[in-house]
Amino acid sequence: MKGLVAELDAAKKDLDKNYGTVDLKPQFQKIWDQLNKVYDIYGLGWLKINPKGVHINRLYAQNDSLNIFLGLSAKPVVSFEKPAEESSWVPISTMQVAGKDFRFFLMPC
């Protein structure tokens, strides 16, 4: 029994040492860079999303999963002339309380 307790304690220390070391910012930066691009709208004009911020709307654990609902603040522009592409860093996310704002949801098929 002492050997089992020692192994479990060693495993717990290893988990504690590695907990919180996952850095998701590089993955978010790739998505942010895509949002900063200018997109051709079938030859009719150009769409620039102009992302301004990312926020966490809801964060909860369910069974063995962690669910995160992210929100994006943006000022999209549609124009006939191609705007210049600008790059920026992913801003620090914040928690946001649901308010009376416009919401647009994109769901995968």
PDB file of N, CA and C in Angstrom:
ATOM      1  N   MET A   1       0.827  -1.192   0.000  1.00  0.00           N
ATOM      2  CA  MET A   1       0.000   0.000   0.000  1.00  0.00           C
ATOM      3  C   MET A   1       0.873   1.258   0.000  1.00  0.00           C
ATOM      4  N   LYS A   2       1.985   1.215   0.764  1.00  0.00           N
ATOM      5  CA  LYS A   2       2.882   2.367   0.813  1.00  0.00           C
ATOM      6  C   LYS A   2       3.485   2.657  -0.562  1.00  0.00           C
ATOM      7  N   GLY A   3       3.806   1.595  -1.304  1.00  0.00           N
ATOM      8  CA  GLY A   3       4.358   1.766  -2.654  1.00  0.00           C
ATOM      9  C   GLY A   3       3.363   2.431  -3.588  1.00  0.00           C
ATOM     10  N   LEU A   4       2.081   2.058  -3.477  1.00  0.00           N
ATOM     11  CA  LEU A   4       1.031   2.654  -4.302  1.00  0.00           C
ATOM     12  C   LEU A   4       0.851   4.133  -3.972  1.00  0.00           C
ATOM     13  N   VAL A   5       0.853   4.448  -2.673  1.00  0.00           N
ATOM     14  CA  VAL A   5       0.718   5.844  -2.239  1.00  0.00           C
ATOM     15  C   VAL A   5       1.899   6.663  -2.754  1.00  0.00           C
ATOM     16  N   ALA A   6       3.093   6.104  -2.695  1.00  0.00           N
ATOM     17  CA  ALA A   6       4.281   6.806  -3.176  1.00  0.00           C
ATOM     18  C   ALA A   6       4.190   7.067  -4.680  1.00  0.00           C
ATOM     19  N   GLU A   7       3.713   6.082  -5.447  1.00  0.00           N
ATOM     20  CA  GLU A   7       3.556   6.259  -6.893  1.00  0.00           C
ATOM     21  C   GLU A   7       2.507   7.317  -7.213  1.00  0.00           C
ATOM     22  N   LEU A   8       1.400   7.290  -6.494  1.00  0.00           N
ATOM     23  CA  LEU A   8       0.354   8.300  -6.714  1.00  0.00           C
ATOM     24  C   LEU A   8       0.845   9.696  -6.355  1.00  0.00           C
ATOM     25  N   ASP A   9       1.601   9.818  -5.274  1.00  0.00           N
ATOM     26  CA  ASP A   9       2.163  11.122  -4.902  1.00  0.00           C
ATOM     27  C   ASP A   9       3.132  11.627  -5.963  1.00  0.00           C
ATOM     28  N   ALA A  10       3.953  10.728  -6.511  1.00  0.00           N
ATOM     29  CA  ALA A  10       4.901  11.107  -7.563  1.00  0.00           C
ATOM     30  C   ALA A  10       4.154  11.564  -8.819  1.00  0.00           C
ATOM     31  N   ALA A  11       3.076  10.847  -9.173  1.00  0.00           N
ATOM     32  CA  ALA A  11       2.278  11.232 -10.338  1.00  0.00           C
ATOM     33  C   ALA A  11       1.611  12.580 -10.121  1.00  0.00           C
ATOM     34  N   LYS A  12       1.131  12.836  -8.907  1.00  0.00           N
ATOM     35  CA  LYS A  12       0.498  14.120  -8.591  1.00  0.00           C
ATOM     36  C   LYS A  12       1.502  15.260  -8.707  1.00  0.00           C
ATOM     37  N   LYS A  13       2.719  15.057  -8.222  1.00  0.00           N
ATOM     38  CA  LYS A  13       3.752  16.094  -8.318  1.00  0.00           C
ATOM     39  C   LYS A  13       4.084  16.395  -9.777  1.00  0.00           C
ATOM     40  N   ASP A  14       4.143  15.355 -10.597  1.00  0.00           N
ATOM     41  CA  ASP A  14       4.431  15.544 -12.018  1.00  0.00           C
ATOM     42  C   ASP A  14       3.308  16.316 -12.702  1.00  0.00           C
ATOM     43  N   LEU A  15       2.059  15.993 -12.375  1.00  0.00           N
ATOM     44  CA  LEU A  15       0.920  16.728 -12.936  1.00  0.00           C
ATOM     45  C   LEU A  15       0.934  18.182 -12.489  1.00  0.00           C
ATOM     46  N   ASP A  16       1.211  18.420 -11.207  1.00  0.00           N
ATOM     47  CA  ASP A  16       1.263  19.785 -10.701  1.00  0.00           C
ATOM     48  C   ASP A  16       2.359  20.595 -11.378  1.00  0.00           C
ATOM     49  N   LYS A  17       3.474  19.953 -11.682  1.00  0.00           N
ATOM     50  CA  LYS A  17       4.603  20.634 -12.313  1.00  0.00           C
ATOM     51  C   LYS A  17       4.255  21.060 -13.740  1.00  0.00           C
ATOM     52  N   ASN A  18       3.508  20.234 -14.461  1.00  0.00           N
ATOM     53  CA  ASN A  18       3.181  20.511 -15.857  1.00  0.00           C
ATOM     54  C   ASN A  18       1.863  21.243 -16.044  1.00  0.00           C
ATOM     55  N   TYR A  19       1.077  21.398 -14.979  1.00  0.00           N
ATOM     56  CA  TYR A  19      -0.230  22.046 -15.091  1.00  0.00           C
ATOM     57  C   TYR A  19      -0.061  23.514 -15.483  1.00  0.00           C
ATOM     58  N   GLY A  20      -0.807  23.961 -16.460  1.00  0.00           N
ATOM     59  CA  GLY A  20      -0.794  25.360 -16.865  1.00  0.00           C
ATOM     60  C   GLY A  20       0.340  25.740 -17.788  1.00  0.00           C
ATOM     61  N   THR A  21       1.071  24.759 -18.317  1.00  0.00           N
ATOM     62  CA  THR A  21       2.196  25.088 -19.177  1.00  0.00           C
ATOM     63  C   THR A  21       1.838  25.078 -20.664  1.00  0.00           C
ATOM     64  N   VAL A  22       0.597  24.829 -21.004  1.00  0.00           N
ATOM     65  CA  VAL A  22       0.182  24.818 -22.399  1.00  0.00           C
ATOM     66  C   VAL A  22      -0.055  26.256 -22.847  1.00  0.00           C
ATOM     67  N   ASP A  23       0.655  26.678 -23.885  1.00  0.00           N
ATOM     68  CA  ASP A  23       0.527  28.032 -24.408  1.00  0.00           C
ATOM     69  C   ASP A  23      -0.283  27.983 -25.698  1.00  0.00           C
ATOM     70  N   LEU A  24      -1.498  28.521 -25.659  1.00  0.00           N
ATOM     71  CA  LEU A  24      -2.372  28.512 -26.830  1.00  0.00           C
ATOM     72  C   LEU A  24      -2.233  29.763 -27.687  1.00  0.00           C
ATOM     73  N   LYS A  25      -1.445  30.728 -27.228  1.00  0.00           N
ATOM     74  CA  LYS A  25      -1.340  31.985 -27.958  1.00  0.00           C
ATOM     75  C   LYS A  25      -0.850  31.814 -29.400  1.00  0.00           C
ATOM     76  N   PRO A  26       0.124  30.938 -29.698  1.00  0.00           N
ATOM     77  CA  PRO A  26       0.516  30.776 -31.114  1.00  0.00           C
ATOM     78  C   PRO A  26      -0.630  30.314 -32.014  1.00  0.00           C
ATOM     79  N   GLN A  27      -1.483  29.418 -31.504  1.00  0.00           N
ATOM     80  CA  GLN A  27      -2.631  28.973 -32.300  1.00  0.00           C
ATOM     81  C   GLN A  27      -3.629  30.107 -32.498  1.00  0.00           C
ATOM     82  N   PHE A  28      -3.870  30.890 -31.436  1.00  0.00           N
ATOM     83  CA  PHE A  28      -4.777  32.027 -31.562  1.00  0.00           C
ATOM     84  C   PHE A  28      -4.200  33.087 -32.489  1.00  0.00           C
ATOM     85  N   GLN A  29      -2.870  33.246 -32.503  1.00  0.00           N
ATOM     86  CA  GLN A  29      -2.246  34.238 -33.386  1.00  0.00           C
ATOM     87  C   GLN A  29      -2.454  33.863 -34.846  1.00  0.00           C
ATOM     88  N   LYS A  30      -2.409  32.561 -35.176  1.00  0.00           N
ATOM     89  CA  LYS A  30      -2.662  32.123 -36.552  1.00  0.00           C
ATOM     90  C   LYS A  30      -4.078  32.490 -36.984  1.00  0.00           C
ATOM     91  N   ILE A  31      -5.038  32.258 -36.105  1.00  0.00           N
ATOM     92  CA  ILE A  31      -6.434  32.609 -36.413  1.00  0.00           C
ATOM     93  C   ILE A  31      -6.571  34.118 -36.538  1.00  0.00           C
ATOM     94  N   TRP A  32      -5.926  34.856 -35.628  1.00  0.00           N
ATOM     95  CA  TRP A  32      -5.983  36.331 -35.636  1.00  0.00           C
ATOM     96  C   TRP A  32      -5.417  36.869 -36.949  1.00  0.00           C
ATOM     97  N   ASP A  33      -4.325  36.276 -37.426  1.00  0.00           N
ATOM     98  CA  ASP A  33      -3.720  36.703 -38.691  1.00  0.00           C
ATOM     99  C   ASP A  33      -4.679  36.478 -39.852  1.00  0.00           C
ATOM    100  N   GLN A  34      -5.427  35.364 -39.828  1.00  0.00           N
ATOM    101  CA  GLN A  34      -6.423  35.116 -40.875  1.00  0.00           C
ATOM    102  C   GLN A  34      -7.547  36.146 -40.828  1.00  0.00           C
ATOM    103  N   LEU A  35      -7.922  36.557 -39.619  1.00  0.00           N
ATOM    104  CA  LEU A  35      -8.987  37.562 -39.483  1.00  0.00           C
ATOM    105  C   LEU A  35      -8.538  38.940 -39.955  1.00  0.00           C
ATOM    106  N   ASN A  36      -7.234  39.197 -39.960  1.00  0.00           N
ATOM    107  CA  ASN A  36      -6.696  40.487 -40.408  1.00  0.00           C
ATOM    108  C   ASN A  36      -6.523  40.567 -41.922  1.00  0.00           C
ATOM    109  N   LYS A  37      -6.728  39.463 -42.636  1.00  0.00           N
ATOM    110  CA  LYS A  37      -6.580  39.466 -44.088  1.00  0.00           C
ATOM    111  C   LYS A  37      -7.774  40.138 -44.753  1.00  0.00           C
ATOM    112  N   VAL A  38      -7.561  40.519 -46.005  1.00  0.00           N
ATOM    113  CA  VAL A  38      -8.622  41.102 -46.823  1.00  0.00           C
ATOM    114  C   VAL A  38      -9.122  40.005 -47.758  1.00  0.00           C
ATOM    115  N   TYR A  39     -10.439  39.840 -47.835  1.00  0.00           N
ATOM    116  CA  TYR A  39     -11.025  38.759 -48.627  1.00  0.00           C
ATOM    117  C   TYR A  39     -11.830  39.308 -49.803  1.00  0.00           C
ATOM    118  N   ASP A  40     -11.627  38.699 -50.965  1.00  0.00           N
ATOM    119  CA  ASP A  40     -12.366  39.049 -52.176  1.00  0.00           C
ATOM    120  C   ASP A  40     -13.768  38.455 -52.074  1.00  0.00           C
ATOM    121  N   ILE A  41     -14.772  39.270 -52.333  1.00  0.00           N
ATOM    122  CA  ILE A  41     -16.168  38.800 -52.286  1.00  0.00           C
ATOM    123  C   ILE A  41     -16.631  38.561 -53.720  1.00  0.00           C
ATOM    124  N   TYR A  42     -16.181  37.456 -54.291  1.00  0.00           N
ATOM    125  CA  TYR A  42     -16.600  37.002 -55.615  1.00  0.00           C
ATOM    126  C   TYR A  42     -16.504  38.098 -56.679  1.00  0.00           C
ATOM    127  N   GLY A  43     -15.473  38.910 -56.622  1.00  0.00           N
ATOM    128  CA  GLY A  43     -15.266  39.958 -57.616  1.00  0.00           C
ATOM    129  C   GLY A  43     -16.166  41.176 -57.450  1.00  0.00           C
ATOM    130  N   LEU A  44     -17.002  41.194 -56.415  1.00  0.00           N
ATOM    131  CA  LEU A  44     -17.917  42.319 -56.201  1.00  0.00           C
ATOM    132  C   LEU A  44     -17.343  43.388 -55.268  1.00  0.00           C
ATOM    133  N   GLY A  45     -16.395  43.015 -54.465  1.00  0.00           N
ATOM    134  CA  GLY A  45     -15.821  43.943 -53.503  1.00  0.00           C
ATOM    135  C   GLY A  45     -14.873  43.210 -52.575  1.00  0.00           C
ATOM    136  N   TRP A  46     -14.541  43.862 -51.476  1.00  0.00           N
ATOM    137  CA  TRP A  46     -13.581  43.322 -50.525  1.00  0.00           C
ATOM    138  C   TRP A  46     -14.137  43.378 -49.112  1.00  0.00           C
ATOM    139  N   LEU A  47     -13.831  42.358 -48.334  1.00  0.00           N
ATOM    140  CA  LEU A  47     -14.256  42.286 -46.939  1.00  0.00           C
ATOM    141  C   LEU A  47     -13.025  42.307 -46.058  1.00  0.00           C
ATOM    142  N   LYS A  48     -13.025  43.221 -45.117  1.00  0.00           N
ATOM    143  CA  LYS A  48     -11.973  43.264 -44.102  1.00  0.00           C
ATOM    144  C   LYS A  48     -12.671  43.187 -42.752  1.00  0.00           C
ATOM    145  N   ILE A  49     -12.346  42.165 -41.961  1.00  0.00           N
ATOM    146  CA  ILE A  49     -13.055  41.916 -40.706  1.00  0.00           C
ATOM    147  C   ILE A  49     -12.638  42.884 -39.602  1.00  0.00           C
ATOM    148  N   ASN A  50     -11.389  43.342 -39.591  1.00  0.00           N
ATOM    149  CA  ASN A  50     -10.883  44.281 -38.579  1.00  0.00           C
ATOM    150  C   ASN A  50     -11.137  43.795 -37.149  1.00  0.00           C
ATOM    151  N   PRO A  51     -10.522  42.703 -36.737  1.00  0.00           N
ATOM    152  CA  PRO A  51     -10.740  42.225 -35.366  1.00  0.00           C
ATOM    153  C   PRO A  51     -10.172  43.213 -34.348  1.00  0.00           C
ATOM    154  N   LYS A  52     -10.877  43.404 -33.264  1.00  0.00           N
ATOM    155  CA  LYS A  52     -10.455  44.348 -32.226  1.00  0.00           C
ATOM    156  C   LYS A  52     -10.181  43.670 -30.895  1.00  0.00           C
ATOM    157  N   GLY A  53     -10.876  42.582 -30.610  1.00  0.00           N
ATOM    158  CA  GLY A  53     -10.675  41.926 -29.326  1.00  0.00           C
ATOM    159  C   GLY A  53     -11.318  40.561 -29.271  1.00  0.00           C
ATOM    160  N   VAL A  54     -10.833  39.754 -28.348  1.00  0.00           N
ATOM    161  CA  VAL A  54     -11.379  38.423 -28.087  1.00  0.00           C
ATOM    162  C   VAL A  54     -11.765  38.381 -26.623  1.00  0.00           C
ATOM    163  N   HIS A  55     -12.915  37.801 -26.319  1.00  0.00           N
ATOM    164  CA  HIS A  55     -13.329  37.694 -24.928  1.00  0.00           C
ATOM    165  C   HIS A  55     -13.958  36.326 -24.673  1.00  0.00           C
ATOM    166  N   ILE A  56     -13.896  35.924 -23.438  1.00  0.00           N
ATOM    167  CA  ILE A  56     -14.481  34.645 -23.024  1.00  0.00           C
ATOM    168  C   ILE A  56     -15.894  34.926 -22.527  1.00  0.00           C
ATOM    169  N   ASN A  57     -16.877  34.375 -23.223  1.00  0.00           N
ATOM    170  CA  ASN A  57     -18.269  34.566 -22.819  1.00  0.00           C
ATOM    171  C   ASN A  57     -18.684  33.577 -21.745  1.00  0.00           C
ATOM    172  N   ARG A  58     -18.217  32.343 -21.891  1.00  0.00           N
ATOM    173  CA  ARG A  58     -18.633  31.294 -20.969  1.00  0.00           C
ATOM    174  C   ARG A  58     -17.537  30.238 -20.897  1.00  0.00           C
ATOM    175  N   LEU A  59     -17.266  29.773 -19.706  1.00  0.00           N
ATOM    176  CA  LEU A  59     -16.243  28.768 -19.470  1.00  0.00           C
ATOM    177  C   LEU A  59     -16.787  27.797 -18.428  1.00  0.00           C
ATOM    178  N   TYR A  60     -16.883  26.508 -18.805  1.00  0.00           N
ATOM    179  CA  TYR A  60     -17.401  25.538 -17.844  1.00  0.00           C
ATOM    180  C   TYR A  60     -16.874  24.138 -18.171  1.00  0.00           C
ATOM    181  N   ALA A  61     -16.859  23.308 -17.164  1.00  0.00           N
ATOM    182  CA  ALA A  61     -16.443  21.914 -17.322  1.00  0.00           C
ATOM    183  C   ALA A  61     -17.685  21.026 -17.328  1.00  0.00           C
ATOM    184  N   GLN A  62     -17.681  20.052 -18.219  1.00  0.00           N
ATOM    185  CA  GLN A  62     -18.795  19.101 -18.304  1.00  0.00           C
ATOM    186  C   GLN A  62     -18.196  17.724 -18.553  1.00  0.00           C
ATOM    187  N   ASN A  63     -18.414  16.821 -17.623  1.00  0.00           N
ATOM    188  CA  ASN A  63     -17.829  15.482 -17.665  1.00  0.00           C
ATOM    189  C   ASN A  63     -16.311  15.593 -17.758  1.00  0.00           C
ATOM    190  N   ASP A  64     -15.721  15.113 -18.844  1.00  0.00           N
ATOM    191  CA  ASP A  64     -14.264  15.178 -18.972  1.00  0.00           C
ATOM    192  C   ASP A  64     -13.816  16.261 -19.956  1.00  0.00           C
ATOM    193  N   SER A  65     -14.685  17.247 -20.220  1.00  0.00           N
ATOM    194  CA  SER A  65     -14.375  18.292 -21.198  1.00  0.00           C
ATOM    195  C   SER A  65     -14.444  19.680 -20.582  1.00  0.00           C
ATOM    196  N   LEU A  66     -13.611  20.569 -21.096  1.00  0.00           N
ATOM    197  CA  LEU A  66     -13.654  21.982 -20.739  1.00  0.00           C
ATOM    198  C   LEU A  66     -14.216  22.721 -21.935  1.00  0.00           C
ATOM    199  N   ASN A  67     -15.339  23.400 -21.743  1.00  0.00           N
ATOM    200  CA  ASN A  67     -16.019  24.110 -22.824  1.00  0.00           C
ATOM    201  C   ASN A  67     -15.776  25.609 -22.680  1.00  0.00           C
ATOM    202  N   ILE A  68     -15.386  26.230 -23.779  1.00  0.00           N
ATOM    203  CA  ILE A  68     -15.109  27.662 -23.788  1.00  0.00           C
ATOM    204  C   ILE A  68     -15.876  28.290 -24.951  1.00  0.00           C
ATOM    205  N   PHE A  69     -16.675  29.299 -24.656  1.00  0.00           N
ATOM    206  CA  PHE A  69     -17.357  30.075 -25.677  1.00  0.00           C
ATOM    207  C   PHE A  69     -16.598  31.388 -25.812  1.00  0.00           C
ATOM    208  N   LEU A  70     -16.020  31.609 -26.990  1.00  0.00           N
ATOM    209  CA  LEU A  70     -15.249  32.818 -27.240  1.00  0.00           C
ATOM    210  C   LEU A  70     -16.062  33.798 -28.062  1.00  0.00           C
ATOM    211  N   GLY A  71     -15.854  35.070 -27.813  1.00  0.00           N
ATOM    212  CA  GLY A  71     -16.489  36.127 -28.580  1.00  0.00           C
ATOM    213  C   GLY A  71     -15.431  36.947 -29.300  1.00  0.00           C
ATOM    214  N   LEU A  72     -15.800  37.548 -30.408  1.00  0.00           N
ATOM    215  CA  LEU A  72     -14.894  38.371 -31.189  1.00  0.00           C
ATOM    216  C   LEU A  72     -15.503  39.746 -31.372  1.00  0.00           C
ATOM    217  N   SER A  73     -14.758  40.775 -31.016  1.00  0.00           N
ATOM    218  CA  SER A  73     -15.165  42.142 -31.300  1.00  0.00           C
ATOM    219  C   SER A  73     -14.469  42.563 -32.583  1.00  0.00           C
ATOM    220  N   ALA A  74     -15.243  43.062 -33.533  1.00  0.00           N
ATOM    221  CA  ALA A  74     -14.671  43.439 -34.827  1.00  0.00           C
ATOM    222  C   ALA A  74     -15.444  44.609 -35.423  1.00  0.00           C
ATOM    223  N   LYS A  75     -14.802  45.288 -36.361  1.00  0.00           N
ATOM    224  CA  LYS A  75     -15.445  46.371 -37.115  1.00  0.00           C
ATOM    225  C   LYS A  75     -15.297  46.047 -38.605  1.00  0.00           C
ATOM    226  N   PRO A  76     -16.149  45.136 -39.104  1.00  0.00           N
ATOM    227  CA  PRO A  76     -16.010  44.724 -40.501  1.00  0.00           C
ATOM    228  C   PRO A  76     -16.319  45.859 -41.477  1.00  0.00           C
ATOM    229  N   VAL A  77     -15.585  45.837 -42.601  1.00  0.00           N
ATOM    230  CA  VAL A  77     -15.762  46.846 -43.638  1.00  0.00           C
ATOM    231  C   VAL A  77     -15.865  46.133 -44.981  1.00  0.00           C
ATOM    232  N   VAL A  78     -16.855  46.514 -45.777  1.00  0.00           N
ATOM    233  CA  VAL A  78     -16.991  46.036 -47.145  1.00  0.00           C
ATOM    234  C   VAL A  78     -16.743  47.230 -48.046  1.00  0.00           C
ATOM    235  N   SER A  79     -15.832  47.076 -49.011  1.00  0.00           N
ATOM    236  CA  SER A  79     -15.510  48.192 -49.897  1.00  0.00           C
ATOM    237  C   SER A  79     -15.277  47.691 -51.312  1.00  0.00           C
ATOM    238  N   PHE A  80     -15.332  48.631 -52.273  1.00  0.00           N
ATOM    239  CA  PHE A  80     -15.084  48.294 -53.666  1.00  0.00           C
ATOM    240  C   PHE A  80     -13.594  48.307 -53.986  1.00  0.00           C
ATOM    241  N   GLU A  81     -12.798  49.035 -53.217  1.00  0.00           N
ATOM    242  CA  GLU A  81     -11.352  49.077 -53.402  1.00  0.00           C
ATOM    243  C   GLU A  81     -10.693  48.198 -52.344  1.00  0.00           C
ATOM    244  N   LYS A  82      -9.633  47.514 -52.734  1.00  0.00           N
ATOM    245  CA  LYS A  82      -8.953  46.602 -51.806  1.00  0.00           C
ATOM    246  C   LYS A  82      -8.215  47.398 -50.735  1.00  0.00           C
ATOM    247  N   PRO A  83      -8.634  47.232 -49.457  1.00  0.00           N
ATOM    248  CA  PRO A  83      -7.932  47.933 -48.376  1.00  0.00           C
ATOM    249  C   PRO A  83      -6.589  47.262 -48.076  1.00  0.00           C
ATOM    250  N   ALA A  84      -5.715  47.992 -47.411  1.00  0.00           N
ATOM    251  CA  ALA A  84      -4.409  47.444 -47.045  1.00  0.00           C
ATOM    252  C   ALA A  84      -4.570  46.455 -45.901  1.00  0.00           C
ATOM    253  N   GLU A  85      -3.780  45.378 -45.947  1.00  0.00           N
ATOM    254  CA  GLU A  85      -3.790  44.411 -44.856  1.00  0.00           C
ATOM    255  C   GLU A  85      -2.871  44.902 -43.756  1.00  0.00           C
ATOM    256  N   GLU A  86      -3.320  44.795 -42.529  1.00  0.00           N
ATOM    257  CA  GLU A  86      -2.529  45.196 -41.379  1.00  0.00           C
ATOM    258  C   GLU A  86      -2.451  44.015 -40.427  1.00  0.00           C
ATOM    259  N   SER A  87      -1.301  43.845 -39.805  1.00  0.00           N
ATOM    260  CA  SER A  87      -1.171  42.766 -38.840  1.00  0.00           C
ATOM    261  C   SER A  87      -1.120  43.346 -37.434  1.00  0.00           C
ATOM    262  N   SER A  88      -1.560  42.557 -36.481  1.00  0.00           N
ATOM    263  CA  SER A  88      -1.532  42.979 -35.085  1.00  0.00           C
ATOM    264  C   SER A  88      -1.427  41.741 -34.215  1.00  0.00           C
ATOM    265  N   TRP A  89      -1.131  41.939 -32.960  1.00  0.00           N
ATOM    266  CA  TRP A  89      -1.034  40.847 -32.006  1.00  0.00           C
ATOM    267  C   TRP A  89      -2.390  40.560 -31.398  1.00  0.00           C
ATOM    268  N   VAL A  90      -2.600  39.318 -30.996  1.00  0.00           N
ATOM    269  CA  VAL A  90      -3.841  38.935 -30.319  1.00  0.00           C
ATOM    270  C   VAL A  90      -3.903  39.701 -29.003  1.00  0.00           C
ATOM    271  N   PRO A  91      -4.989  40.433 -28.752  1.00  0.00           N
ATOM    272  CA  PRO A  91      -5.103  41.149 -27.479  1.00  0.00           C
ATOM    273  C   PRO A  91      -5.384  40.194 -26.324  1.00  0.00           C
ATOM    274  N   ILE A  92      -5.148  40.662 -25.136  1.00  0.00           N
ATOM    275  CA  ILE A  92      -5.437  39.870 -23.942  1.00  0.00           C
ATOM    276  C   ILE A  92      -6.943  39.730 -23.822  1.00  0.00           C
ATOM    277  N   SER A  93      -7.414  38.507 -23.586  1.00  0.00           N
ATOM    278  CA  SER A  93      -8.849  38.252 -23.497  1.00  0.00           C
ATOM    279  C   SER A  93      -9.393  38.679 -22.140  1.00  0.00           C
ATOM    280  N   THR A  94     -10.681  38.963 -22.111  1.00  0.00           N
ATOM    281  CA  THR A  94     -11.363  39.365 -20.887  1.00  0.00           C
ATOM    282  C   THR A  94     -12.666  38.591 -20.765  1.00  0.00           C
ATOM    283  N   MET A  95     -13.190  38.542 -19.567  1.00  0.00           N
ATOM    284  CA  MET A  95     -14.511  37.963 -19.365  1.00  0.00           C
ATOM    285  C   MET A  95     -15.536  39.039 -19.692  1.00  0.00           C
ATOM    286  N   GLN A  96     -16.633  38.667 -20.309  1.00  0.00           N
ATOM    287  CA  GLN A  96     -17.657  39.619 -20.671  1.00  0.00           C
ATOM    288  C   GLN A  96     -19.006  39.125 -20.195  1.00  0.00           C
ATOM    289  N   VAL A  97     -19.757  40.012 -19.600  1.00  0.00           N
ATOM    290  CA  VAL A  97     -21.107  39.691 -19.170  1.00  0.00           C
ATOM    291  C   VAL A  97     -22.041  39.928 -20.349  1.00  0.00           C
ATOM    292  N   ALA A  98     -22.993  39.027 -20.538  1.00  0.00           N
ATOM    293  CA  ALA A  98     -23.932  39.165 -21.649  1.00  0.00           C
ATOM    294  C   ALA A  98     -24.674  40.492 -21.548  1.00  0.00           C
ATOM    295  N   GLY A  99     -24.722  41.186 -22.655  1.00  0.00           N
ATOM    296  CA  GLY A  99     -25.379  42.494 -22.680  1.00  0.00           C
ATOM    297  C   GLY A  99     -26.337  42.596 -23.843  1.00  0.00           C
ATOM    298  N   LYS A 100     -26.678  43.805 -24.191  1.00  0.00           N
ATOM    299  CA  LYS A 100     -27.611  44.047 -25.289  1.00  0.00           C
ATOM    300  C   LYS A 100     -26.816  44.447 -26.531  1.00  0.00           C
ATOM    301  N   ASP A 101     -25.977  43.556 -26.990  1.00  0.00           N
ATOM    302  CA  ASP A 101     -25.189  43.838 -28.167  1.00  0.00           C
ATOM    303  C   ASP A 101     -25.615  42.926 -29.300  1.00  0.00           C
ATOM    304  N   PHE A 102     -25.151  43.233 -30.482  1.00  0.00           N
ATOM    305  CA  PHE A 102     -25.445  42.438 -31.651  1.00  0.00           C
ATOM    306  C   PHE A 102     -24.601  41.166 -31.623  1.00  0.00           C
ATOM    307  N   ARG A 103     -25.203  40.033 -31.869  1.00  0.00           N
ATOM    308  CA  ARG A 103     -24.478  38.768 -31.863  1.00  0.00           C
ATOM    309  C   ARG A 103     -24.714  38.035 -33.189  1.00  0.00           C
ATOM    310  N   PHE A 104     -23.628  37.543 -33.733  1.00  0.00           N
ATOM    311  CA  PHE A 104     -23.669  36.807 -34.990  1.00  0.00           C
ATOM    312  C   PHE A 104     -22.914  35.515 -34.773  1.00  0.00           C
ATOM    313  N   PHE A 105     -23.545  34.380 -34.984  1.00  0.00           N
ATOM    314  CA  PHE A 105     -22.941  33.090 -34.710  1.00  0.00           C
ATOM    315  C   PHE A 105     -22.642  32.348 -36.001  1.00  0.00           C
ATOM    316  N   LEU A 106     -21.453  31.764 -36.075  1.00  0.00           N
ATOM    317  CA  LEU A 106     -21.076  30.910 -37.188  1.00  0.00           C
ATOM    318  C   LEU A 106     -20.983  29.492 -36.664  1.00  0.00           C
ATOM    319  N   MET A 107     -21.707  28.588 -37.247  1.00  0.00           N
ATOM    320  CA  MET A 107     -21.729  27.198 -36.812  1.00  0.00           C
ATOM    321  C   MET A 107     -21.188  26.323 -37.925  1.00  0.00           C
ATOM    322  N   PRO A 108     -20.300  25.358 -37.605  1.00  0.00           N
ATOM    323  CA  PRO A 108     -19.816  24.448 -38.647  1.00  0.00           C
ATOM    324  C   PRO A 108     -20.921  23.512 -39.109  1.00  0.00           C
ATOM    325  N   CYS A 109     -20.842  23.103 -40.361  1.00  0.00           N
ATOM    326  CA  CYS A 109     -21.851  22.198 -40.925  1.00  0.00           C
ATOM    327  C   CYS A 109     -21.542  20.763 -40.575  1.00  0.00           C
TER     328      CYS A 109
END
